[in-house]
Every structure is written in structure tokens, then in C-alpha cells.
């Protein structure tokens, strides 16, 4: 039996105007849970969110650099 995806799949094409909002909506619950876990472990929520932005940017840069 196939596993269901852990998040909603996109309905719009990546170039569609609604795509970004749709992606943010699909990710928001997961981001909130990750921040809740970080905060419960003793991390400052704002610093954890900042770290997530940094890590996301690094991963994008690594992909565009061919790493």
C-alpha cells in the first residue's frame, strides 16, 4: 500500500500566481511544529526561525552551486 504524502501536493504550476501562497500554506503547519519542538527543547523561537531561514538559503545556494 502506498504511503500518503506528509503534506499537500501543489495544485498550481510553479509559475502560477497562487503557487507561493499555496506552498506557504502547505508548509506552515510543519514549520510551526518544528519551531514548537525547538522551543520545547529550550531554543529561543525567534532564533530558531532565523536559523531555519539561514539553513534554507544555504541549501538553495548549494543546489545552485552544483553541490
C-alpha atoms as a PDB file:
ATOM      1  CA  UNK A   1       0.000   0.000   0.000  1.00  0.00           C
ATOM      2  CA  UNK A   2       1.414   3.391  -0.972  1.00  0.00           C
ATOM      3  CA  UNK A   3       2.151   5.922   1.734  1.00  0.00           C
ATOM      4  CA  UNK A   4       0.211   9.155   1.673  1.00  0.00           C
ATOM      5  CA  UNK A   5       2.337  12.289   1.295  1.00  0.00           C
ATOM      6  CA  UNK A   6       3.133  14.062   4.558  1.00  0.00           C
ATOM      7  CA  UNK A   7       1.945  17.326   3.064  1.00  0.00           C
ATOM      8  CA  UNK A   8      -0.479  18.608   0.466  1.00  0.00           C
ATOM      9  CA  UNK A   9       0.725  18.426  -3.129  1.00  0.00           C
ATOM     10  CA  UNK A  10       0.596  21.562  -5.265  1.00  0.00           C
ATOM     11  CA  UNK A  11      -2.434  22.187  -7.419  1.00  0.00           C
ATOM     12  CA  UNK A  12      -0.899  25.121  -9.301  1.00  0.00           C
ATOM     13  CA  UNK A  13       2.017  25.329 -11.718  1.00  0.00           C
ATOM     14  CA  UNK A  14       5.192  26.874 -10.203  1.00  0.00           C
ATOM     15  CA  UNK A  15       4.753  29.949 -12.398  1.00  0.00           C
ATOM     16  CA  UNK A  16       1.135  30.496 -11.293  1.00  0.00           C
ATOM     17  CA  UNK A  17       0.397  33.491  -9.095  1.00  0.00           C
ATOM     18  CA  UNK A  18      -1.183  31.318  -6.375  1.00  0.00           C
ATOM     19  CA  UNK A  19       1.723  28.845  -6.196  1.00  0.00           C
ATOM     20  CA  UNK A  20       3.731  30.666  -3.492  1.00  0.00           C
ATOM     21  CA  UNK A  21       0.726  31.144  -1.210  1.00  0.00           C
ATOM     22  CA  UNK A  22      -0.251  27.518  -1.731  1.00  0.00           C
ATOM     23  CA  UNK A  23       3.267  26.367  -0.823  1.00  0.00           C
ATOM     24  CA  UNK A  24       3.348  28.568   2.275  1.00  0.00           C
ATOM     25  CA  UNK A  25       0.009  27.159   3.366  1.00  0.00           C
ATOM     26  CA  UNK A  26       1.225  23.578   2.896  1.00  0.00           C
ATOM     27  CA  UNK A  27       4.439  24.240   4.849  1.00  0.00           C
ATOM     28  CA  UNK A  28       3.076  26.399   7.672  1.00  0.00           C
ATOM     29  CA  UNK A  29       1.857  23.566   9.923  1.00  0.00           C
ATOM     30  CA  UNK A  30       5.196  21.763   9.592  1.00  0.00           C
ATOM     31  CA  UNK A  31       7.199  24.915  10.289  1.00  0.00           C
ATOM     32  CA  UNK A  32       5.054  25.657  13.355  1.00  0.00           C
ATOM     33  CA  UNK A  33       5.607  22.127  14.680  1.00  0.00           C
ATOM     34  CA  UNK A  34       9.364  22.347  14.114  1.00  0.00           C
ATOM     35  CA  UNK A  35       9.504  25.683  15.936  1.00  0.00           C
ATOM     36  CA  UNK A  36       7.393  24.203  18.759  1.00  0.00           C
ATOM     37  CA  UNK A  37       9.892  21.334  19.078  1.00  0.00           C
ATOM     38  CA  UNK A  38      12.844  23.726  19.102  1.00  0.00           C
ATOM     39  CA  UNK A  39      11.198  25.910  21.745  1.00  0.00           C
ATOM     40  CA  UNK A  40      10.288  22.887  23.886  1.00  0.00           C
ATOM     41  CA  UNK A  41      13.948  21.828  23.756  1.00  0.00           C
ATOM     42  CA  UNK A  42      14.947  25.226  25.141  1.00  0.00           C
ATOM     43  CA  UNK A  43      15.780  27.167  21.963  1.00  0.00           C
ATOM     44  CA  UNK A  44      14.556  30.728  21.513  1.00  0.00           C
ATOM     45  CA  UNK A  45      11.736  30.595  18.944  1.00  0.00           C
ATOM     46  CA  UNK A  46      12.908  33.713  17.075  1.00  0.00           C
ATOM     47  CA  UNK A  47      16.498  32.439  16.878  1.00  0.00           C
ATOM     48  CA  UNK A  48      15.233  29.043  15.694  1.00  0.00           C
ATOM     49  CA  UNK A  49      13.172  30.700  12.936  1.00  0.00           C
ATOM     50  CA  UNK A  50      16.225  32.711  11.912  1.00  0.00           C
ATOM     51  CA  UNK A  51      18.319  29.535  11.820  1.00  0.00           C
ATOM     52  CA  UNK A  52      15.695  27.864   9.615  1.00  0.00           C
ATOM     53  CA  UNK A  53      15.840  30.771   7.139  1.00  0.00           C
ATOM     54  CA  UNK A  54      19.639  30.572   7.086  1.00  0.00           C
ATOM     55  CA  UNK A  55      19.644  26.803   6.578  1.00  0.00           C
ATOM     56  CA  UNK A  56      17.056  27.075   3.800  1.00  0.00           C
ATOM     57  CA  UNK A  57      19.103  29.704   1.989  1.00  0.00           C
ATOM     58  CA  UNK A  58      22.267  27.609   2.296  1.00  0.00           C
ATOM     59  CA  UNK A  59      20.535  24.590   0.837  1.00  0.00           C
ATOM     60  CA  UNK A  60      19.296  26.620  -2.125  1.00  0.00           C
ATOM     61  CA  UNK A  61      22.754  28.044  -2.689  1.00  0.00           C
ATOM     62  CA  UNK A  62      24.341  24.579  -2.507  1.00  0.00           C
ATOM     63  CA  UNK A  63      21.874  23.324  -5.135  1.00  0.00           C
ATOM     64  CA  UNK A  64      22.579  26.224  -7.493  1.00  0.00           C
ATOM     65  CA  UNK A  65      26.339  25.800  -6.964  1.00  0.00           C
ATOM     66  CA  UNK A  66      26.032  22.162  -8.018  1.00  0.00           C
ATOM     67  CA  UNK A  67      26.816  20.660  -4.616  1.00  0.00           C
END
